[in-house]
Amino acid sequence: MSDIKNSDAPINTTTIDKNLVDAPTSNIYEAISIISKRATQINSDIKKELLEKLDEFATYNDSLEEIFENKEQIEVSKFYEKLPKPHALAVQEWLENKIYYRNTQDEEL
Protein backbone atom coordinates (compact mmCIF):
# COMPACT_ATOMS: atom_id res chain seq x y z
CA MET A 1 0.00 0.00 0.00
CA SER A 2 2.90 2.37 0.57
CA ASP A 3 3.65 2.33 -3.18
CA ILE A 4 0.21 3.75 -3.83
CA LYS A 5 0.79 6.67 -1.48
CA ASN A 6 4.15 7.45 -3.11
CA SER A 7 3.08 6.83 -6.69
CA ASP A 8 3.85 9.20 -9.55
CA ALA A 9 0.35 8.65 -10.88
CA PRO A 10 -1.36 11.88 -11.94
CA ILE A 11 -4.20 13.24 -9.86
CA ASN A 12 -5.81 14.89 -12.88
CA THR A 13 -6.72 13.38 -16.23
CA THR A 14 -3.80 13.05 -18.63
CA THR A 15 -3.35 11.83 -22.19
CA ILE A 16 -1.31 8.67 -22.61
CA ASP A 17 0.18 7.37 -25.84
CA LYS A 18 -1.85 4.35 -26.96
CA ASN A 19 1.31 2.66 -28.20
CA LEU A 20 2.79 2.76 -24.69
CA VAL A 21 -0.34 1.18 -23.24
CA ASP A 22 -0.66 -1.70 -25.68
CA ALA A 23 3.07 -2.38 -26.17
CA PRO A 24 3.33 -5.23 -23.61
CA THR A 25 0.37 -7.17 -25.06
CA SER A 26 0.13 -5.82 -28.64
CA ASN A 27 -3.61 -5.61 -27.97
CA ILE A 28 -5.16 -2.45 -26.53
CA TYR A 29 -8.28 -4.29 -25.34
CA GLU A 30 -6.25 -6.88 -23.44
CA ALA A 31 -4.11 -4.14 -21.88
CA ILE A 32 -7.18 -2.18 -20.78
CA SER A 33 -8.73 -5.34 -19.33
CA ILE A 34 -5.60 -6.03 -17.28
CA ILE A 35 -5.41 -2.40 -16.10
CA SER A 36 -9.10 -2.48 -15.20
CA LYS A 37 -8.67 -5.60 -13.05
CA ARG A 38 -5.70 -4.02 -11.28
CA ALA A 39 -7.68 -0.81 -10.67
CA THR A 40 -10.41 -2.90 -9.02
CA GLN A 41 -7.80 -4.53 -6.77
CA ILE A 42 -6.31 -1.15 -5.83
CA ASN A 43 -9.76 0.27 -5.10
CA SER A 44 -10.54 -2.66 -2.79
CA ASP A 45 -7.22 -2.24 -0.97
CA ILE A 46 -7.73 1.49 -0.49
CA LYS A 47 -11.30 1.01 0.69
CA LYS A 48 -10.28 -1.69 3.17
CA GLU A 49 -7.44 0.43 4.56
CA LEU A 50 -9.65 3.52 4.83
CA LEU A 51 -12.40 1.65 6.65
CA GLU A 52 -9.86 0.17 9.08
CA LYS A 53 -8.43 3.62 9.84
CA LEU A 54 -11.86 5.21 10.24
CA ASP A 55 -12.90 2.36 12.51
CA GLU A 56 -10.06 3.31 14.87
CA PHE A 57 -11.78 6.65 15.45
CA ALA A 58 -15.34 5.34 15.50
CA THR A 59 -17.49 6.27 18.43
CA TYR A 60 -20.50 4.17 19.18
CA ASN A 61 -22.57 6.87 20.85
CA ASP A 62 -25.50 8.63 19.32
CA SER A 63 -24.26 12.02 20.45
CA LEU A 64 -24.30 14.52 17.59
CA GLU A 65 -21.56 16.57 19.25
CA GLU A 66 -19.10 13.68 19.06
CA ILE A 67 -19.89 13.08 15.41
CA PHE A 68 -19.10 16.66 14.44
CA GLU A 69 -16.01 16.88 16.65
CA ASN A 70 -14.13 13.91 15.22
CA LYS A 71 -11.44 15.88 13.37
CA GLU A 72 -9.06 12.91 13.09
CA GLN A 73 -11.62 11.01 11.07
CA ILE A 74 -12.10 14.00 8.77
CA GLU A 75 -8.33 14.35 8.26
CA VAL A 76 -8.00 10.66 7.35
CA SER A 77 -10.84 10.99 4.85
CA LYS A 78 -9.30 14.10 3.28
CA PHE A 79 -5.95 12.32 2.90
CA TYR A 80 -7.56 9.46 0.97
CA GLU A 81 -9.58 11.87 -1.16
CA LYS A 82 -6.34 13.52 -2.32
CA LEU A 83 -4.76 10.25 -3.51
CA PRO A 84 -4.75 9.55 -7.24
CA LYS A 85 -7.75 7.51 -8.39
CA PRO A 86 -7.36 3.72 -8.63
CA HIS A 87 -7.48 3.74 -12.44
CA ALA A 88 -4.66 6.30 -12.60
CA LEU A 89 -2.60 4.22 -10.18
CA ALA A 90 -3.21 1.08 -12.25
CA VAL A 91 -2.22 2.81 -15.51
CA GLN A 92 0.96 4.12 -13.87
CA GLU A 93 1.82 0.63 -12.61
CA TRP A 94 1.17 -0.76 -16.10
CA LEU A 95 3.44 1.81 -17.75
CA GLU A 96 6.17 1.01 -15.20
CA ASN A 97 5.82 -2.77 -15.85
CA LYS A 98 4.78 -3.41 -12.24
CA ILE A 99 1.71 -5.53 -13.06
CA TYR A 100 2.16 -9.27 -13.42
CA TYR A 101 -0.21 -10.84 -15.91
CA ARG A 102 -0.43 -13.99 -17.97
CA ASN A 103 -2.61 -15.14 -20.80
CA THR A 104 -4.21 -18.46 -19.87
CA GLN A 105 -5.24 -19.08 -23.49
CA ASP A 106 -1.57 -19.18 -24.51
CA GLU A 107 -0.94 -21.80 -21.84
CA GLU A 108 -3.70 -24.06 -23.21
CA LEU A 109 -2.10 -24.18 -26.66
C-alpha atoms as a PDB file:
ATOM      1  CA  MET A   1       0.000   0.000   0.000  1.00  0.00           C
ATOM      2  CA  SER A   2       2.904   2.372   0.572  1.00  0.00           C
ATOM      3  CA  ASP A   3       3.647   2.328  -3.178  1.00  0.00           C
ATOM      4  CA  ILE A   4       0.214   3.752  -3.830  1.00  0.00           C
ATOM      5  CA  LYS A   5       0.788   6.672  -1.484  1.00  0.00           C
ATOM      6  CA  ASN A   6       4.147   7.446  -3.113  1.00  0.00           C
ATOM      7  CA  SER A   7       3.082   6.829  -6.694  1.00  0.00           C
ATOM      8  CA  ASP A   8       3.853   9.202  -9.550  1.00  0.00           C
ATOM      9  CA  ALA A   9       0.346   8.653 -10.879  1.00  0.00           C
ATOM     10  CA  PRO A  10      -1.357  11.877 -11.939  1.00  0.00           C
ATOM     11  CA  ILE A  11      -4.203  13.243  -9.859  1.00  0.00           C
ATOM     12  CA  ASN A  12      -5.811  14.888 -12.883  1.00  0.00           C
ATOM     13  CA  THR A  13      -6.720  13.378 -16.233  1.00  0.00           C
ATOM     14  CA  THR A  14      -3.801  13.045 -18.630  1.00  0.00           C
ATOM     15  CA  THR A  15      -3.346  11.828 -22.188  1.00  0.00           C
ATOM     16  CA  ILE A  16      -1.313   8.665 -22.611  1.00  0.00           C
ATOM     17  CA  ASP A  17       0.182   7.375 -25.844  1.00  0.00           C
ATOM     18  CA  LYS A  18      -1.852   4.353 -26.955  1.00  0.00           C
ATOM     19  CA  ASN A  19       1.308   2.662 -28.201  1.00  0.00           C
ATOM     20  CA  LEU A  20       2.788   2.765 -24.692  1.00  0.00           C
ATOM     21  CA  VAL A  21      -0.342   1.183 -23.242  1.00  0.00           C
ATOM     22  CA  ASP A  22      -0.662  -1.699 -25.682  1.00  0.00           C
ATOM     23  CA  ALA A  23       3.067  -2.376 -26.166  1.00  0.00           C
ATOM     24  CA  PRO A  24       3.332  -5.229 -23.607  1.00  0.00           C
ATOM     25  CA  THR A  25       0.368  -7.167 -25.056  1.00  0.00           C
ATOM     26  CA  SER A  26       0.128  -5.823 -28.639  1.00  0.00           C
ATOM     27  CA  ASN A  27      -3.609  -5.614 -27.974  1.00  0.00           C
ATOM     28  CA  ILE A  28      -5.159  -2.452 -26.531  1.00  0.00           C
ATOM     29  CA  TYR A  29      -8.278  -4.288 -25.336  1.00  0.00           C
ATOM     30  CA  GLU A  30      -6.246  -6.882 -23.440  1.00  0.00           C
ATOM     31  CA  ALA A  31      -4.112  -4.138 -21.884  1.00  0.00           C
ATOM     32  CA  ILE A  32      -7.176  -2.178 -20.777  1.00  0.00           C
ATOM     33  CA  SER A  33      -8.729  -5.335 -19.328  1.00  0.00           C
ATOM     34  CA  ILE A  34      -5.602  -6.026 -17.275  1.00  0.00           C
ATOM     35  CA  ILE A  35      -5.407  -2.400 -16.105  1.00  0.00           C
ATOM     36  CA  SER A  36      -9.097  -2.484 -15.196  1.00  0.00           C
ATOM     37  CA  LYS A  37      -8.675  -5.598 -13.055  1.00  0.00           C
ATOM     38  CA  ARG A  38      -5.699  -4.020 -11.282  1.00  0.00           C
ATOM     39  CA  ALA A  39      -7.679  -0.809 -10.668  1.00  0.00           C
ATOM     40  CA  THR A  40     -10.413  -2.896  -9.023  1.00  0.00           C
ATOM     41  CA  GLN A  41      -7.802  -4.531  -6.766  1.00  0.00           C
ATOM     42  CA  ILE A  42      -6.311  -1.153  -5.832  1.00  0.00           C
ATOM     43  CA  ASN A  43      -9.760   0.272  -5.097  1.00  0.00           C
ATOM     44  CA  SER A  44     -10.544  -2.659  -2.795  1.00  0.00           C
ATOM     45  CA  ASP A  45      -7.223  -2.244  -0.973  1.00  0.00           C
ATOM     46  CA  ILE A  46      -7.727   1.487  -0.489  1.00  0.00           C
ATOM     47  CA  LYS A  47     -11.304   1.012   0.690  1.00  0.00           C
ATOM     48  CA  LYS A  48     -10.280  -1.692   3.173  1.00  0.00           C
ATOM     49  CA  GLU A  49      -7.439   0.430   4.564  1.00  0.00           C
ATOM     50  CA  LEU A  50      -9.647   3.519   4.828  1.00  0.00           C
ATOM     51  CA  LEU A  51     -12.403   1.646   6.651  1.00  0.00           C
ATOM     52  CA  GLU A  52      -9.859   0.170   9.082  1.00  0.00           C
ATOM     53  CA  LYS A  53      -8.433   3.617   9.840  1.00  0.00           C
ATOM     54  CA  LEU A  54     -11.861   5.205  10.235  1.00  0.00           C
ATOM     55  CA  ASP A  55     -12.901   2.361  12.510  1.00  0.00           C
ATOM     56  CA  GLU A  56     -10.061   3.311  14.871  1.00  0.00           C
ATOM     57  CA  PHE A  57     -11.781   6.647  15.450  1.00  0.00           C
ATOM     58  CA  ALA A  58     -15.336   5.342  15.498  1.00  0.00           C
ATOM     59  CA  THR A  59     -17.494   6.269  18.425  1.00  0.00           C
ATOM     60  CA  TYR A  60     -20.502   4.168  19.184  1.00  0.00           C
ATOM     61  CA  ASN A  61     -22.566   6.872  20.853  1.00  0.00           C
ATOM     62  CA  ASP A  62     -25.503   8.633  19.321  1.00  0.00           C
ATOM     63  CA  SER A  63     -24.258  12.020  20.449  1.00  0.00           C
ATOM     64  CA  LEU A  64     -24.301  14.524  17.593  1.00  0.00           C
ATOM     65  CA  GLU A  65     -21.565  16.573  19.252  1.00  0.00           C
ATOM     66  CA  GLU A  66     -19.099  13.683  19.062  1.00  0.00           C
ATOM     67  CA  ILE A  67     -19.887  13.079  15.413  1.00  0.00           C
ATOM     68  CA  PHE A  68     -19.097  16.665  14.445  1.00  0.00           C
ATOM     69  CA  GLU A  69     -16.005  16.883  16.646  1.00  0.00           C
ATOM     70  CA  ASN A  70     -14.128  13.912  15.220  1.00  0.00           C
ATOM     71  CA  LYS A  71     -11.444  15.875  13.366  1.00  0.00           C
ATOM     72  CA  GLU A  72      -9.056  12.914  13.093  1.00  0.00           C
ATOM     73  CA  GLN A  73     -11.621  11.009  11.070  1.00  0.00           C
ATOM     74  CA  ILE A  74     -12.097  14.003   8.774  1.00  0.00           C
ATOM     75  CA  GLU A  75      -8.329  14.348   8.255  1.00  0.00           C
ATOM     76  CA  VAL A  76      -7.998  10.657   7.350  1.00  0.00           C
ATOM     77  CA  SER A  77     -10.844  10.986   4.851  1.00  0.00           C
ATOM     78  CA  LYS A  78      -9.302  14.096   3.281  1.00  0.00           C
ATOM     79  CA  PHE A  79      -5.949  12.321   2.901  1.00  0.00           C
ATOM     80  CA  TYR A  80      -7.557   9.458   0.972  1.00  0.00           C
ATOM     81  CA  GLU A  81      -9.582  11.871  -1.165  1.00  0.00           C
ATOM     82  CA  LYS A  82      -6.336  13.516  -2.320  1.00  0.00           C
ATOM     83  CA  LEU A  83      -4.759  10.252  -3.505  1.00  0.00           C
ATOM     84  CA  PRO A  84      -4.754   9.548  -7.242  1.00  0.00           C
ATOM     85  CA  LYS A  85      -7.747   7.510  -8.394  1.00  0.00           C
ATOM     86  CA  PRO A  86      -7.360   3.717  -8.633  1.00  0.00           C
ATOM     87  CA  HIS A  87      -7.479   3.741 -12.437  1.00  0.00           C
ATOM     88  CA  ALA A  88      -4.665   6.305 -12.597  1.00  0.00           C
ATOM     89  CA  LEU A  89      -2.596   4.223 -10.178  1.00  0.00           C
ATOM     90  CA  ALA A  90      -3.212   1.083 -12.253  1.00  0.00           C
ATOM     91  CA  VAL A  91      -2.219   2.808 -15.509  1.00  0.00           C
ATOM     92  CA  GLN A  92       0.958   4.125 -13.875  1.00  0.00           C
ATOM     93  CA  GLU A  93       1.825   0.629 -12.611  1.00  0.00           C
ATOM     94  CA  TRP A  94       1.172  -0.758 -16.103  1.00  0.00           C
ATOM     95  CA  LEU A  95       3.438   1.809 -17.748  1.00  0.00           C
ATOM     96  CA  GLU A  96       6.172   1.014 -15.199  1.00  0.00           C
ATOM     97  CA  ASN A  97       5.821  -2.767 -15.847  1.00  0.00           C
ATOM     98  CA  LYS A  98       4.783  -3.409 -12.243  1.00  0.00           C
ATOM     99  CA  ILE A  99       1.714  -5.525 -13.063  1.00  0.00           C
ATOM    100  CA  TYR A 100       2.156  -9.267 -13.421  1.00  0.00           C
ATOM    101  CA  TYR A 101      -0.210 -10.839 -15.909  1.00  0.00           C
ATOM    102  CA  ARG A 102      -0.427 -13.990 -17.970  1.00  0.00           C
ATOM    103  CA  ASN A 103      -2.614 -15.140 -20.797  1.00  0.00           C
ATOM    104  CA  THR A 104      -4.208 -18.463 -19.871  1.00  0.00           C
ATOM    105  CA  GLN A 105      -5.243 -19.080 -23.495  1.00  0.00           C
ATOM    106  CA  ASP A 106      -1.567 -19.176 -24.513  1.00  0.00           C
ATOM    107  CA  GLU A 107      -0.937 -21.804 -21.839  1.00  0.00           C
ATOM    108  CA  GLU A 108      -3.701 -24.060 -23.207  1.00  0.00           C
ATOM    109  CA  LEU A 109      -2.098 -24.177 -26.665  1.00  0.00           C
END
